[in-house]
Amino acid sequence: MCTPSQGAVAAKIICQLCYNSCMPKGVNFFSEVIDQLKQVTWPDRETAVMLTSVVILVSAVVALYLGGLDVLFTRLVGILVK
């Protein structure tokens, strides 16, 4: 059986091992993310607004198309069930 001082030493060793093996990986990951984000060529405001508008427009067109198909199939199933 361990004495309290031996338990504290064991806990300290385990904590140090975990810190050495786990923490630097996480810190290293985030520092690499920041380095990669610094290398990104960000679009200017005009390009970002234009591309955002295109995404919203295409999303609206697809939503209307799928909504129309939903209404069509709902009516067809309603007719078939009667």
C-alpha atoms as a PDB file:
ATOM      1  CA  MET A   1       0.000   0.000   0.000  1.00  0.00           C
ATOM      2  CA  CYS A   2       1.261   3.518  -0.791  1.00  0.00           C
ATOM      3  CA  THR A   3       1.785   6.227   1.707  1.00  0.00           C
ATOM      4  CA  PRO A   4       0.254   9.635   0.976  1.00  0.00           C
ATOM      5  CA  SER A   5       3.598  11.019  -0.126  1.00  0.00           C
ATOM      6  CA  GLN A   6       4.119   8.120  -2.541  1.00  0.00           C
ATOM      7  CA  GLY A   7       0.619   8.650  -3.927  1.00  0.00           C
ATOM      8  CA  ALA A   8       1.340  12.336  -4.433  1.00  0.00           C
ATOM      9  CA  VAL A   9       4.570  11.535  -6.244  1.00  0.00           C
ATOM     10  CA  ALA A  10       2.798   9.010  -8.467  1.00  0.00           C
ATOM     11  CA  ALA A  11       0.025  11.516  -9.227  1.00  0.00           C
ATOM     12  CA  LYS A  12       2.605  14.179 -10.053  1.00  0.00           C
ATOM     13  CA  ILE A  13       4.447  11.809 -12.416  1.00  0.00           C
ATOM     14  CA  ILE A  14       1.203  10.787 -14.149  1.00  0.00           C
ATOM     15  CA  CYS A  15       0.157  14.427 -14.451  1.00  0.00           C
ATOM     16  CA  GLN A  16       3.550  15.379 -15.926  1.00  0.00           C
ATOM     17  CA  LEU A  17       3.405  12.483 -18.407  1.00  0.00           C
ATOM     18  CA  CYS A  18      -0.085  13.488 -19.496  1.00  0.00           C
ATOM     19  CA  TYR A  19       0.968  17.120 -19.844  1.00  0.00           C
ATOM     20  CA  ASN A  20       4.030  16.207 -21.886  1.00  0.00           C
ATOM     21  CA  SER A  21       2.152  13.831 -24.166  1.00  0.00           C
ATOM     22  CA  CYS A  22      -1.218  15.591 -24.553  1.00  0.00           C
ATOM     23  CA  MET A  23      -0.884  19.326 -24.098  1.00  0.00           C
ATOM     24  CA  PRO A  24       1.858  20.107 -26.604  1.00  0.00           C
ATOM     25  CA  LYS A  25      -0.066  18.248 -29.310  1.00  0.00           C
ATOM     26  CA  GLY A  26      -3.093  20.479 -28.754  1.00  0.00           C
ATOM     27  CA  VAL A  27      -1.012  23.616 -28.524  1.00  0.00           C
ATOM     28  CA  ASN A  28       0.977  22.531 -31.577  1.00  0.00           C
ATOM     29  CA  PHE A  29      -2.251  21.895 -33.503  1.00  0.00           C
ATOM     30  CA  PHE A  30      -3.603  25.383 -32.809  1.00  0.00           C
ATOM     31  CA  SER A  31      -0.289  27.060 -33.614  1.00  0.00           C
ATOM     32  CA  GLU A  32      -0.247  25.174 -36.944  1.00  0.00           C
ATOM     33  CA  VAL A  33      -3.838  26.291 -37.621  1.00  0.00           C
ATOM     34  CA  ILE A  34      -2.847  29.911 -37.037  1.00  0.00           C
ATOM     35  CA  ASP A  35       0.176  29.520 -39.314  1.00  0.00           C
ATOM     36  CA  GLN A  36      -2.003  28.062 -42.071  1.00  0.00           C
ATOM     37  CA  LEU A  37      -4.603  30.825 -41.707  1.00  0.00           C
ATOM     38  CA  LYS A  38      -1.856  33.413 -42.159  1.00  0.00           C
ATOM     39  CA  GLN A  39      -1.032  31.829 -45.533  1.00  0.00           C
ATOM     40  CA  VAL A  40      -4.629  32.025 -46.822  1.00  0.00           C
ATOM     41  CA  THR A  41      -5.312  34.567 -49.549  1.00  0.00           C
ATOM     42  CA  TRP A  42      -8.540  36.133 -48.330  1.00  0.00           C
ATOM     43  CA  PRO A  43     -10.960  37.606 -50.899  1.00  0.00           C
ATOM     44  CA  ASP A  44     -11.644  41.335 -50.914  1.00  0.00           C
ATOM     45  CA  ARG A  45     -15.007  42.649 -49.724  1.00  0.00           C
ATOM     46  CA  GLU A  46     -16.475  42.985 -53.229  1.00  0.00           C
ATOM     47  CA  THR A  47     -15.660  39.380 -54.130  1.00  0.00           C
ATOM     48  CA  ALA A  48     -16.986  38.072 -50.807  1.00  0.00           C
ATOM     49  CA  VAL A  49     -20.281  39.956 -51.229  1.00  0.00           C
ATOM     50  CA  MET A  50     -20.652  38.759 -54.835  1.00  0.00           C
ATOM     51  CA  LEU A  51     -19.978  35.111 -53.977  1.00  0.00           C
ATOM     52  CA  THR A  52     -22.288  35.269 -50.958  1.00  0.00           C
ATOM     53  CA  SER A  53     -25.040  36.653 -53.201  1.00  0.00           C
ATOM     54  CA  VAL A  54     -24.512  33.798 -55.661  1.00  0.00           C
ATOM     55  CA  VAL A  55     -24.785  31.221 -52.858  1.00  0.00           C
ATOM     56  CA  ILE A  56     -27.995  32.805 -51.533  1.00  0.00           C
ATOM     57  CA  LEU A  57     -29.505  32.991 -55.042  1.00  0.00           C
ATOM     58  CA  VAL A  58     -28.655  29.375 -55.897  1.00  0.00           C
ATOM     59  CA  SER A  59     -29.989  28.232 -52.510  1.00  0.00           C
ATOM     60  CA  ALA A  60     -33.265  30.082 -53.118  1.00  0.00           C
ATOM     61  CA  VAL A  61     -33.650  28.579 -56.613  1.00  0.00           C
ATOM     62  CA  VAL A  62     -32.997  25.048 -55.313  1.00  0.00           C
ATOM     63  CA  ALA A  63     -35.435  25.620 -52.427  1.00  0.00           C
ATOM     64  CA  LEU A  64     -38.163  26.766 -54.833  1.00  0.00           C
ATOM     65  CA  TYR A  65     -37.516  23.794 -57.134  1.00  0.00           C
ATOM     66  CA  LEU A  66     -37.666  21.272 -54.290  1.00  0.00           C
ATOM     67  CA  GLY A  67     -40.708  23.002 -52.810  1.00  0.00           C
ATOM     68  CA  GLY A  68     -42.464  22.790 -56.186  1.00  0.00           C
ATOM     69  CA  LEU A  69     -41.658  19.089 -56.459  1.00  0.00           C
ATOM     70  CA  ASP A  70     -42.966  18.565 -52.926  1.00  0.00           C
ATOM     71  CA  VAL A  71     -46.267  20.282 -53.744  1.00  0.00           C
ATOM     72  CA  LEU A  72     -46.567  18.330 -57.016  1.00  0.00           C
ATOM     73  CA  PHE A  73     -45.948  14.943 -55.407  1.00  0.00           C
ATOM     74  CA  THR A  74     -48.228  15.783 -52.474  1.00  0.00           C
ATOM     75  CA  ARG A  75     -51.081  16.531 -54.869  1.00  0.00           C
ATOM     76  CA  LEU A  76     -50.360  13.409 -56.948  1.00  0.00           C
ATOM     77  CA  VAL A  77     -50.405  11.186 -53.858  1.00  0.00           C
ATOM     78  CA  GLY A  78     -53.598  12.924 -52.710  1.00  0.00           C
ATOM     79  CA  ILE A  79     -55.239  12.145 -56.067  1.00  0.00           C
ATOM     80  CA  LEU A  80     -54.072   8.508 -55.990  1.00  0.00           C
ATOM     81  CA  VAL A  81     -55.267   7.947 -52.427  1.00  0.00           C
ATOM     82  CA  LYS A  82     -58.821   9.214 -53.140  1.00  0.00           C
END
